[in-house]
Protein backbone atom coordinates (compact mmCIF):
# COMPACT_ATOMS: atom_id res chain seq x y z
CA MET A 1 -3.11 11.99 29.92
CA SER A 2 -2.99 12.12 26.10
CA ALA A 3 -5.29 9.76 24.23
CA LEU A 4 -3.58 7.24 21.99
CA PHE A 5 -5.08 8.77 18.87
CA GLU A 6 -3.69 12.19 19.77
CA ILE A 7 -0.24 10.66 20.18
CA ILE A 8 -0.32 8.87 16.83
CA SER A 9 -1.62 12.06 15.21
CA ARG A 10 1.51 13.96 16.19
CA PRO A 11 3.57 15.06 13.16
CA GLU A 12 6.47 12.79 14.11
CA LEU A 13 4.22 9.70 14.24
CA SER A 14 1.54 10.40 11.60
CA LEU A 15 1.74 9.43 7.94
CA PRO A 16 3.53 10.15 5.72
CA ILE A 17 6.83 10.20 7.59
CA HIS A 18 9.35 12.92 6.75
CA ARG A 19 12.72 11.86 8.09
CA THR A 20 14.93 14.42 9.74
CA ILE A 21 18.20 12.48 9.54
CA GLU A 22 19.93 10.61 6.73
CA SER A 23 19.50 7.08 8.05
CA VAL A 24 15.96 5.72 7.67
CA SER A 25 16.67 2.87 10.11
CA ILE A 26 17.79 5.24 12.88
CA ASP A 27 14.96 7.66 12.17
CA TYR A 28 12.42 4.82 12.30
CA SER A 29 13.98 3.47 15.50
CA ASN A 30 13.70 6.87 17.18
CA ARG A 31 10.07 7.36 16.17
CA THR A 32 8.92 3.89 17.22
CA ASN A 33 10.77 4.31 20.54
CA ASP A 34 8.69 7.45 21.11
CA LEU A 35 5.50 5.55 20.26
CA PHE A 36 6.34 2.66 22.60
CA TYR A 37 7.19 5.06 25.41
CA GLU A 38 3.76 6.69 25.09
CA ILE A 39 1.92 3.34 24.95
CA GLU A 40 3.70 2.19 28.10
CA LYS A 41 2.97 5.50 29.79
CA ILE A 42 -0.76 5.16 29.06
CA ASP A 43 -1.01 1.56 30.24
CA LYS A 44 2.11 -0.31 31.32
CA SER A 45 0.33 -3.64 31.79
CA TYR A 46 -1.05 -3.49 28.23
CA TRP A 47 2.43 -2.72 26.91
CA LEU A 48 3.99 -5.62 28.80
CA GLU A 49 1.34 -8.03 27.55
CA HIS A 50 1.62 -7.11 23.85
CA LYS A 51 5.10 -5.64 23.44
CA ASP A 52 6.51 -8.82 21.84
CA GLN A 53 4.25 -8.33 18.80
CA PHE A 54 5.03 -4.62 18.55
CA LEU A 55 8.76 -5.19 18.89
CA ALA A 56 8.75 -8.10 16.43
CA ILE A 57 7.65 -6.00 13.46
CA ARG A 58 9.66 -2.96 14.53
CA ASN A 59 12.90 -4.90 15.07
CA GLY A 60 12.35 -6.82 11.84
CA VAL A 61 12.08 -3.56 9.92
CA ILE A 62 15.21 -2.10 11.54
CA HIS A 63 17.25 -5.26 10.95
CA SER A 64 16.01 -5.43 7.35
CA LEU A 65 17.07 -1.84 6.68
CA SER A 66 20.44 -2.43 8.35
CA GLU A 67 21.11 -5.51 6.22
CA ASN A 68 20.16 -3.54 3.12
CA GLU A 69 22.62 -0.82 4.06
CA LEU A 70 25.32 -3.54 4.29
CA GLY A 71 24.55 -4.69 0.75
CA LYS A 72 22.81 -7.92 1.78
CA PRO A 73 19.43 -7.89 0.01
CA HIS A 74 18.69 -11.56 0.70
CA ASN A 75 19.24 -11.12 4.44
CA SER A 76 17.28 -7.88 4.32
CA TYR A 77 14.20 -9.57 2.87
CA ASN A 78 14.46 -12.60 5.16
CA SER A 79 14.56 -10.37 8.24
CA PHE A 80 11.42 -8.58 7.11
CA ALA A 81 9.59 -11.77 6.05
CA ASN A 82 10.33 -13.48 9.37
CA ALA A 83 8.90 -10.49 11.22
CA MET A 84 5.77 -10.46 9.05
CA ASN A 85 5.25 -14.18 9.56
CA SER A 86 5.50 -13.73 13.32
CA VAL A 87 2.75 -11.09 13.40
CA ASN A 88 0.59 -12.46 10.57
CA ASP A 89 -2.37 -13.14 12.86
CA ASN A 90 -2.29 -9.53 14.04
CA LEU A 91 -2.18 -7.77 10.68
CA MET A 92 -4.98 -5.42 9.69
CA GLN A 93 -6.65 -7.32 6.86
CA MET A 94 -9.52 -6.39 4.58
CA PRO A 95 -11.59 -9.52 3.90
CA ILE A 96 -13.03 -8.92 0.45
CA ALA A 97 -14.69 -12.25 -0.36
CA GLY A 98 -18.26 -11.63 -1.47
CA PHE A 99 -17.72 -7.89 -1.97
CA SER A 100 -17.26 -5.77 -5.07
CA LEU A 101 -14.70 -2.98 -5.00
CA ILE A 102 -15.02 -0.19 -7.56
CA MET A 103 -11.68 1.26 -8.57
CA TYR A 104 -10.14 3.37 -11.31
CA ARG A 105 -6.94 2.88 -13.25
CA ALA A 106 -5.25 5.45 -15.48
CA ARG A 107 -2.38 5.30 -17.93
CA LYS A 108 -0.34 7.94 -19.74
CA THR A 109 1.01 6.94 -23.13
CA ASN A 110 2.39 8.43 -26.32
CA THR A 111 0.28 6.12 -28.47
CA LYS A 112 -3.48 5.71 -28.63
CA ILE A 113 -4.97 2.64 -26.95
CA SER A 114 -8.43 1.07 -27.10
CA GLU A 115 -8.30 -2.43 -25.61
CA ARG A 116 -8.92 -3.34 -21.97
CA SER A 117 -5.67 -5.28 -21.84
CA GLU A 118 -3.76 -2.10 -22.71
CA ILE A 119 -4.73 -0.45 -19.42
CA PHE A 120 -4.21 -3.64 -17.42
CA HIS A 121 -0.79 -4.32 -15.88
CA VAL A 122 2.28 -4.43 -18.13
CA PRO A 123 2.68 -7.99 -19.50
CA ILE A 124 5.73 -9.89 -18.30
CA GLN A 125 7.30 -9.95 -21.78
CA LEU A 126 7.53 -6.15 -21.60
CA ARG A 127 9.11 -6.20 -18.15
CA SER A 128 11.98 -3.99 -19.33
CA LYS A 129 9.48 -1.10 -19.29
CA ILE A 130 8.56 -1.61 -15.62
CA GLY A 131 10.27 0.92 -13.40
CA ASN A 132 10.99 1.17 -9.69
CA GLU A 133 7.97 2.29 -7.63
CA ARG A 134 7.12 2.20 -3.94
CA TYR A 135 5.24 -1.09 -4.12
CA SER A 136 6.80 -2.53 -7.27
CA ILE A 137 10.28 -3.73 -8.13
CA SER A 138 11.83 -2.98 -11.51
CA GLY A 139 10.89 -5.68 -13.99
CA TYR A 140 7.93 -7.16 -12.11
CA PRO A 141 4.32 -6.28 -13.04
CA VAL A 142 2.04 -4.67 -10.47
CA MET A 143 -1.39 -3.20 -11.18
CA TYR A 144 -2.05 0.08 -9.37
CA ALA A 145 -5.55 1.50 -8.92
CA SER A 146 -7.43 4.01 -6.79
CA ASP A 147 -10.93 4.18 -5.33
CA THR A 148 -11.41 7.75 -6.62
CA ILE A 149 -10.93 9.31 -10.03
CA ASN A 150 -8.97 12.22 -8.54
CA GLY A 151 -6.68 9.85 -6.66
CA CYS A 152 -6.09 7.84 -9.79
CA LEU A 153 -5.21 10.85 -11.92
CA SER A 154 -3.05 12.52 -9.27
CA GLU A 155 -0.65 9.57 -9.27
CA LEU A 156 0.25 10.37 -12.89
CA GLU A 157 0.60 14.15 -12.63
CA SER A 158 4.39 14.10 -12.89
CA ARG A 159 4.55 11.80 -15.91
CA ASN A 160 4.85 13.31 -19.37
CA ALA A 161 2.97 11.72 -22.25
CA GLU A 162 0.65 12.80 -25.05
CA TYR A 163 -2.44 10.83 -24.06
CA LEU A 164 -4.15 10.13 -20.74
CA TYR A 165 -6.60 7.23 -20.43
CA ILE A 166 -8.73 5.99 -17.57
CA SER A 167 -10.89 2.91 -16.96
CA LYS A 168 -13.36 1.86 -14.30
CA ILE A 169 -12.73 -1.50 -12.62
CA GLU A 170 -14.93 -3.83 -10.63
CA PHE A 171 -12.85 -6.12 -8.44
CA LYS A 172 -14.83 -9.11 -7.21
CA PRO A 173 -12.71 -11.91 -5.71
CA LYS A 174 -14.07 -15.44 -5.84
CA GLY A 175 -12.20 -17.00 -2.94
CA LEU A 176 -11.02 -15.98 0.51
CA GLU A 177 -8.44 -13.48 -0.72
CA ARG A 178 -7.57 -10.49 1.42
CA LEU A 179 -6.01 -7.09 1.06
CA LEU A 180 -3.37 -5.98 3.53
CA SER A 181 -4.20 -2.53 4.88
CA ILE A 182 -1.42 0.08 5.16
CA THR A 183 -3.45 3.09 6.27
CA ASP A 184 -3.84 5.24 9.38
CA GLU A 185 -7.62 5.64 9.31
CA MET A 186 -8.48 3.20 12.10
CA GLY A 187 -7.08 5.64 14.64
CA SER A 188 -10.28 7.66 14.94
CA LYS A 189 -11.99 4.58 16.36
CA TYR A 190 -9.76 4.92 19.40
CA SER A 191 -9.78 8.71 19.66
CA ALA A 192 -11.16 8.75 23.21
CA LEU A 193 -9.44 5.80 24.84
CA PRO A 194 -9.38 5.87 28.65
CA VAL A 195 -6.13 5.69 30.57
CA ASN A 196 -6.46 1.92 30.88
CA LEU A 197 -6.21 0.49 27.37
CA ARG A 198 -7.26 -2.92 28.64
CA SER A 199 -10.80 -1.69 29.31
CA THR A 200 -11.30 -1.25 25.55
CA CYS A 201 -8.82 -3.90 24.50
CA THR A 202 -10.08 -5.72 21.45
CA PRO A 203 -8.05 -7.67 18.90
CA ASP A 204 -8.58 -4.72 16.55
CA LEU A 205 -6.66 -2.38 18.83
CA LYS A 206 -3.58 -4.59 18.81
CA ARG A 207 -3.92 -5.06 15.05
CA TYR A 208 -4.19 -1.32 14.59
CA LEU A 209 -0.99 -0.71 16.52
CA VAL A 210 0.88 -3.44 14.62
CA GLN A 211 -0.47 -1.94 11.42
CA HIS A 212 0.65 1.57 12.36
CA ILE A 213 4.16 0.38 13.20
CA LEU A 214 4.33 -1.31 9.78
CA SER A 215 2.70 1.64 8.00
CA MET A 216 5.30 4.02 9.39
CA ALA A 217 8.02 1.94 7.74
CA CYS A 218 6.15 1.87 4.41
CA CYS A 219 5.21 5.54 4.27
CA TYR A 220 8.47 7.44 4.33
CA ALA A 221 8.30 10.36 1.93
CA THR A 222 11.08 10.40 -0.67
CA ARG A 223 13.48 13.30 -0.78
CA CYS A 224 12.23 15.85 -3.29
CA ASP A 225 15.72 16.58 -4.59
CA SER A 226 16.60 12.93 -5.19
CA GLU A 227 16.39 11.51 -8.70
CA ASP A 228 18.49 8.48 -7.83
CA PRO A 229 17.04 5.20 -9.15
CA PHE A 230 17.48 3.55 -5.74
CA LYS A 231 15.32 4.95 -2.96
CA VAL A 232 15.83 3.60 0.54
CA GLU A 233 12.26 4.65 1.37
CA TYR A 234 11.07 1.90 -1.01
CA VAL A 235 12.97 -0.98 0.62
CA ILE A 236 10.29 -2.00 3.13
CA PRO A 237 7.20 -1.51 0.91
CA GLN A 238 8.91 -3.52 -1.84
CA HIS A 239 9.75 -6.27 0.66
CA LEU A 240 6.09 -6.18 1.67
CA MET A 241 5.00 -6.74 -1.92
CA SER A 242 7.46 -9.64 -2.27
CA TRP A 243 6.03 -11.14 0.93
CA ILE A 244 2.49 -10.81 -0.45
CA LEU A 245 3.61 -12.60 -3.61
CA ASP A 246 4.71 -15.52 -1.42
CA ASP A 247 1.50 -15.61 0.63
CA SER A 248 -1.55 -17.02 -1.14
CA ARG A 249 -3.94 -15.39 1.34
CA TYR A 250 -3.27 -11.89 0.05
CA VAL A 251 -3.94 -10.40 -3.37
CA GLY A 252 -2.49 -6.96 -2.76
CA VAL A 253 -2.11 -3.99 -0.49
CA CYS A 254 -4.40 -1.05 0.26
CA PHE A 255 -2.59 2.18 1.16
CA ARG A 256 -3.48 5.79 1.76
CA ALA A 257 -3.71 8.29 -1.09
CA ASN A 258 -0.85 10.74 -1.31
CA GLY A 259 -0.91 14.37 -0.28
CA ARG A 260 -4.16 16.17 0.46
CA LEU A 261 -6.44 13.65 -1.23
CA ARG A 262 -8.70 11.33 0.71
CA GLY A 263 -9.23 7.76 -0.32
CA HIS A 264 -7.25 4.61 -0.96
CA ASN A 265 -4.83 3.36 -3.53
CA TYR A 266 -4.27 -0.30 -4.30
CA ALA A 267 -1.34 -2.33 -5.58
CA PHE A 268 -1.92 -5.84 -6.93
CA PRO A 269 1.13 -7.92 -7.84
CA ALA A 270 0.77 -10.12 -10.92
CA LYS A 271 0.40 -13.63 -9.51
CA SER A 272 -0.04 -16.76 -11.65
CA ILE A 273 1.15 -15.25 -14.94
CA ASP A 274 -0.38 -16.96 -17.98
CA ARG A 275 1.12 -17.62 -21.42
CA ASP A 276 0.04 -14.17 -22.60
CA GLY A 277 2.08 -12.55 -19.83
CA TYR A 278 -0.84 -11.44 -17.67
CA SER A 279 -1.95 -12.46 -14.19
CA SER A 280 -4.62 -15.12 -14.59
CA SER A 281 -5.73 -14.67 -10.98
CA LEU A 282 -6.31 -10.94 -11.46
CA LYS A 283 -8.03 -11.44 -14.81
CA SER A 284 -10.50 -13.83 -13.20
CA THR A 285 -11.53 -11.28 -10.54
CA LEU A 286 -11.76 -8.10 -12.63
CA ARG A 287 -14.27 -6.54 -14.96
CA ILE A 288 -13.04 -3.38 -16.63
CA SER A 289 -14.29 -0.69 -19.00
CA LYS A 290 -12.53 0.17 -22.23
CA PRO A 291 -9.92 2.91 -21.75
CA LEU A 292 -11.47 6.36 -22.05
CA LEU A 293 -9.39 9.25 -23.36
CA VAL A 294 -9.38 12.08 -20.82
CA SER A 295 -9.87 15.41 -22.58
CA ASP A 296 -10.88 17.68 -19.70
CA LEU A 297 -9.22 17.24 -16.30
CA ASN A 298 -11.35 20.03 -14.84
CA ASN A 299 -14.66 18.22 -15.24
CA ILE A 300 -14.39 15.11 -13.05
CA GLU A 301 -18.18 14.82 -12.73
CA ARG A 302 -18.59 14.49 -16.50
CA LEU A 303 -15.73 12.00 -16.62
CA ASP A 304 -17.43 9.96 -13.90
CA ASN A 305 -20.71 9.97 -15.87
CA LEU A 306 -18.92 8.82 -19.02
CA LEU A 307 -17.22 5.99 -17.16
CA ASN A 308 -20.55 4.88 -15.67
CA GLU A 309 -21.95 4.55 -19.20
CA GLU A 310 -19.14 2.22 -20.27
CA PRO A 311 -19.87 -1.52 -19.92
CA LEU A 312 -17.62 -3.51 -17.62
CA GLN A 313 -16.29 -6.71 -19.16
CA GLU A 314 -13.63 -9.31 -18.48
CA ILE A 315 -10.19 -8.72 -19.94
CA ASP A 316 -9.62 -10.59 -23.18
CA THR A 317 -5.89 -11.06 -23.93
């Protein structure tokens, strides 16, 4: 009998997802059907007890994608939001109150910059410059960061600009804010599950499965030959960011680094925008170094040492 971790590690179920047919909704339906079949085969009683939660997020994603295909964006978001609300207690959350997260943020630009605010998120008054990304909608500010320098720089490899800057960030929330986790790293915890899932059944196991079903929908790789401004692979992750904007408990999403790199990336939507166009809630939780011009991409250790020498201060806008 295959262990659950081995099943989820199969190419058709592991992240990122590379669809084999044109329709993302049908592809996702087929893959989650395979996953549910394997869960039921391992432990039918466990499946029967928890299937409502698994089906709620899966069916919400499929209905959301179908409504989007019909040109009904409002219905598409509502279908997804209703599904998220129904499984909210079983989402894989990262409580971050009382902790400090060290992250890095980079920016490519054709003009020199020197102020901390210039490497922060794009202010709302410059929203026309904000493009369409996986976790951000055109025109709405989101701050991306990474927990490694390599991960941070790799996200900008395809962008052409004269200058490359990087800053170190300390993120220290003051309240009970949480990050929503969209990763597949919890699977190793369950790599040797017995045939009866119930014998190791903890709330974390159910949360991990709900998380993986959601992560599959958020982690579809885009077609390499597509330069179209609309990407169907972005529909669900962008809905997720809109849902986070509406939920005061979450400050952002943590997701896996792309490609061969290990580590996490983060996306923080700009909540509570102040009169200067920046997120007051993010400003109050961040200390950041002045942007450092990157001159040698082949010496990450030296870059790390230089960043460690830079003082971290609050953003003054």
